Amino acid sequence: MEYKIMTVTELPDWSLIPQAQIATYPWGGEYRPLAWARLCFVPGRGFLLRLECEETDPKATYAKINDPVCKDSCLEAFLNFKPELPGCGYLNLEANAKGTFLCGYGKDRYGRKSLGDLGVPYPTVTPFSTESSWGWVAEIPLPLLQQVYGEAEFVPGDRIKGNFYKCGDETKTPHYGSWNPIENPTPDFHRPEGFGELVILP
């Protein structure tokens, strides 16, 4: 699948940013909450990411950075901002309804390192909620990407790769949803071969 990343010059009106629907549940289960992601690019600043889900009582027990928030009700984005560079990996950005944040970098599930271990500052994450939904917004600044990838130049037409997820490993009704389909017999979001393409618009 392909997602179009809008370019904006200031903080966006999120209602105008296209949605990437997290609507594929390859591992079954009747609980499939509506969830979606939005991503935009601010030249000279970085990327703004917003994930949201229709849930009224999300489980949110973890409270420390890099806690295993995937066991709570969780929204996630895995993004490789420089897939054209040999050997580069992807960032996994995961947060629960409290805004408790886990973020690491690596080529696959194994050997991942937290941004703290890499000496890189974490993105700013802001949770939000309504009576019927919850989510979080993160800013991924260009200096962070420069530290991770060694370069942070982005122009219209550039493509990044990634996927967006909704999960809850240890919730009352475990569930595993994705934006781009994943082909694997068991739940596993760390499947970069299942990433979709995200293209930056002018």
Protein backbone atom coordinates (compact mmCIF):
# COMPACT_ATOMS: atom_id res chain seq x y z
CA MET A 1 0.00 0.00 0.00
CA GLU A 2 1.03 3.61 -0.44
CA TYR A 3 0.42 6.59 1.83
CA LYS A 4 0.86 10.19 0.73
CA ILE A 5 2.70 12.39 3.25
CA MET A 6 1.42 15.94 3.03
CA THR A 7 3.93 18.78 3.34
CA VAL A 8 2.80 21.57 5.66
CA THR A 9 4.43 24.81 6.72
CA GLU A 10 3.15 24.92 10.29
CA LEU A 11 1.25 22.82 12.81
CA PRO A 12 -1.36 21.00 10.75
CA ASP A 13 -5.12 20.90 10.82
CA TRP A 14 -5.18 17.15 11.38
CA SER A 15 -8.62 16.83 9.80
CA LEU A 16 -7.00 17.73 6.48
CA ILE A 17 -4.20 15.14 6.72
CA PRO A 18 -4.97 11.81 4.98
CA GLN A 19 -5.66 8.79 7.17
CA ALA A 20 -3.86 5.46 6.96
CA GLN A 21 -6.53 3.07 8.20
CA ILE A 22 -5.30 0.34 10.56
CA ALA A 23 -7.90 -2.15 9.39
CA THR A 24 -6.08 -5.42 8.61
CA TYR A 25 -6.28 -8.05 11.35
CA PRO A 26 -4.42 -11.04 9.89
CA TRP A 27 -4.40 -13.05 13.11
CA GLY A 28 -8.15 -13.19 13.67
CA GLY A 29 -10.17 -12.16 16.67
CA GLU A 30 -13.52 -10.40 16.77
CA TYR A 31 -12.22 -7.28 18.50
CA ARG A 32 -11.08 -4.93 15.76
CA PRO A 33 -11.25 -1.32 16.96
CA LEU A 34 -11.20 1.46 14.39
CA ALA A 35 -7.75 3.02 14.32
CA TRP A 36 -5.78 5.20 11.97
CA ALA A 37 -2.52 7.09 11.54
CA ARG A 38 -1.66 10.44 10.00
CA LEU A 39 1.82 11.64 9.06
CA CYS A 40 2.98 14.96 7.63
CA PHE A 41 6.29 16.65 6.85
CA VAL A 42 7.31 20.14 7.97
CA PRO A 43 10.35 21.33 5.94
CA GLY A 44 13.20 22.46 8.16
CA ARG A 45 11.58 20.90 11.19
CA GLY A 46 10.75 17.20 10.76
CA PHE A 47 7.76 14.86 10.74
CA LEU A 48 4.57 15.02 12.79
CA LEU A 49 2.82 11.74 13.53
CA ARG A 50 -0.66 11.23 14.96
CA LEU A 51 -2.26 7.88 15.82
CA GLU A 52 -5.80 7.50 17.10
CA CYS A 53 -8.17 4.69 18.06
CA GLU A 54 -11.85 4.39 18.93
CA GLU A 55 -11.69 2.82 22.40
CA THR A 56 -13.49 3.98 25.52
CA ASP A 57 -11.49 2.20 28.22
CA PRO A 58 -7.97 1.44 26.96
CA LYS A 59 -5.70 -0.55 29.23
CA ALA A 60 -2.77 1.65 30.27
CA THR A 61 -0.73 0.21 33.13
CA TYR A 62 2.85 0.94 32.09
CA ALA A 63 4.26 4.34 33.03
CA LYS A 64 8.05 4.34 32.48
CA ILE A 65 9.82 5.08 29.23
CA ASN A 66 10.59 1.93 27.22
CA ASP A 67 8.20 -0.18 29.29
CA PRO A 68 6.55 -2.93 27.18
CA VAL A 69 3.55 -0.82 26.21
CA CYS A 70 2.52 -3.34 23.54
CA LYS A 71 1.04 -5.34 26.43
CA ASP A 72 -1.34 -2.42 27.09
CA SER A 73 -3.73 -1.06 24.53
CA CYS A 74 -1.15 0.39 22.19
CA LEU A 75 -0.74 2.38 18.98
CA GLU A 76 2.50 2.01 17.05
CA ALA A 77 4.38 3.25 13.98
CA PHE A 78 7.45 1.53 12.54
CA LEU A 79 9.24 3.84 10.08
CA ASN A 80 12.41 3.58 8.01
CA PHE A 81 13.11 7.15 6.98
CA LYS A 82 16.06 6.30 4.71
CA PRO A 83 15.34 2.93 3.06
CA GLU A 84 17.64 3.78 0.17
CA LEU A 85 20.70 3.84 2.43
CA PRO A 86 22.38 0.42 2.68
CA GLY A 87 22.05 -1.24 6.05
CA CYS A 88 19.65 1.28 7.56
CA GLY A 89 16.92 0.18 9.93
CA TYR A 90 13.67 1.53 11.24
CA LEU A 91 12.37 3.32 14.30
CA ASN A 92 9.61 1.67 16.31
CA LEU A 93 7.46 4.29 18.04
CA GLU A 94 4.96 2.79 20.49
CA ALA A 95 2.77 4.41 23.15
CA ASN A 96 -0.21 3.64 25.37
CA ALA A 97 -3.04 5.96 26.37
CA LYS A 98 -0.91 7.52 29.12
CA GLY A 99 1.66 8.54 26.53
CA THR A 100 4.17 6.06 27.97
CA PHE A 101 6.63 5.72 25.12
CA LEU A 102 8.91 3.03 23.78
CA CYS A 103 11.24 3.81 20.90
CA GLY A 104 14.10 1.82 19.43
CA TYR A 105 16.12 1.43 16.26
CA GLY A 106 17.38 -1.60 14.35
CA LYS A 107 17.11 -3.61 11.14
CA ASP A 108 14.66 -6.18 12.51
CA ARG A 109 13.31 -7.60 15.77
CA TYR A 110 16.75 -8.64 17.00
CA GLY A 111 19.56 -6.42 18.22
CA ARG A 112 17.39 -3.34 18.60
CA LYS A 113 18.63 -0.46 20.72
CA SER A 114 16.65 2.22 22.49
CA LEU A 115 17.26 5.80 21.49
CA GLY A 116 18.62 6.32 24.99
CA ASP A 117 21.24 3.63 24.37
CA LEU A 118 22.18 5.41 21.15
CA GLY A 119 22.50 8.77 22.92
CA VAL A 120 19.65 10.19 20.84
CA PRO A 121 16.88 12.32 22.42
CA TYR A 122 13.42 10.82 22.31
CA PRO A 123 10.65 12.40 20.24
CA THR A 124 8.15 14.52 22.12
CA VAL A 125 4.96 12.51 22.64
CA THR A 126 1.63 14.07 23.67
CA PRO A 127 -1.34 11.82 24.51
CA PHE A 128 -4.95 12.91 24.05
CA SER A 129 -8.38 11.41 24.66
CA THR A 130 -12.10 12.00 24.16
CA GLU A 131 -15.14 10.15 25.48
CA SER A 132 -14.86 7.62 22.66
CA SER A 133 -11.24 7.63 21.52
CA TRP A 134 -7.61 8.09 22.48
CA GLY A 135 -4.31 8.59 20.76
CA TRP A 136 -1.00 10.37 20.73
CA VAL A 137 0.99 12.85 18.67
CA ALA A 138 4.76 12.73 18.23
CA GLU A 139 7.21 15.13 16.67
CA ILE A 140 10.18 13.45 14.98
CA PRO A 141 12.66 16.30 14.46
CA LEU A 142 15.27 16.39 11.71
CA PRO A 143 18.20 16.52 14.20
CA LEU A 144 17.02 13.19 15.66
CA LEU A 145 16.92 11.64 12.19
CA GLN A 146 20.34 13.11 11.42
CA GLN A 147 21.77 11.36 14.48
CA VAL A 148 20.12 8.05 13.64
CA TYR A 149 20.63 7.91 9.88
CA GLY A 150 23.60 10.21 9.30
CA GLU A 151 21.55 12.46 7.05
CA ALA A 152 18.17 14.17 7.21
CA GLU A 153 17.50 15.72 3.80
CA PHE A 154 13.97 15.18 2.50
CA VAL A 155 12.42 16.52 -0.70
CA PRO A 156 9.12 15.92 -2.50
CA GLY A 157 9.06 12.52 -4.10
CA ASP A 158 11.23 10.90 -1.43
CA ARG A 159 9.87 7.61 -0.16
CA ILE A 160 10.09 6.16 3.30
CA LYS A 161 8.87 2.73 4.34
CA GLY A 162 6.80 1.72 7.31
CA ASN A 163 3.65 0.37 8.89
CA PHE A 164 1.13 1.44 11.51
CA TYR A 165 -0.33 -0.84 14.17
CA LYS A 166 -2.96 -1.26 16.87
CA CYS A 167 -2.42 -3.99 19.44
CA GLY A 168 -2.98 -5.13 22.98
CA ASP A 169 -1.00 -8.25 23.90
CA GLU A 170 -2.30 -8.56 27.45
CA THR A 171 -5.65 -6.81 27.23
CA LYS A 172 -9.01 -8.45 27.89
CA THR A 173 -9.32 -9.07 24.15
CA PRO A 174 -5.83 -9.39 22.59
CA HIS A 175 -5.74 -7.93 19.08
CA TYR A 176 -3.20 -7.17 16.34
CA GLY A 177 -4.09 -4.77 13.54
CA SER A 178 -1.94 -3.22 10.82
CA TRP A 179 -2.22 -0.71 7.98
CA ASN A 180 -0.17 -2.68 5.45
CA PRO A 181 -0.86 -6.43 5.39
CA ILE A 182 1.64 -8.76 7.07
CA GLU A 183 2.16 -12.34 5.98
CA ASN A 184 3.26 -14.35 8.98
CA PRO A 185 1.60 -17.28 10.79
CA THR A 186 1.83 -15.61 14.22
CA PRO A 187 1.59 -11.99 15.40
CA ASP A 188 4.81 -10.13 14.61
CA PHE A 189 5.02 -6.45 13.75
CA HIS A 190 8.80 -6.52 13.27
CA ARG A 191 8.45 -7.60 9.64
CA PRO A 192 10.07 -4.89 7.48
CA GLU A 193 9.29 -6.92 4.37
CA GLY A 194 5.65 -6.07 5.12
CA PHE A 195 6.19 -2.30 5.22
CA GLY A 196 4.26 -0.11 2.83
CA GLU A 197 5.57 2.95 1.00
CA LEU A 198 5.03 6.52 2.13
CA VAL A 199 5.78 9.26 -0.39
CA ILE A 200 6.37 12.94 0.44
CA LEU A 201 4.14 15.29 -1.56
CA PRO A 202 5.18 18.82 -2.61
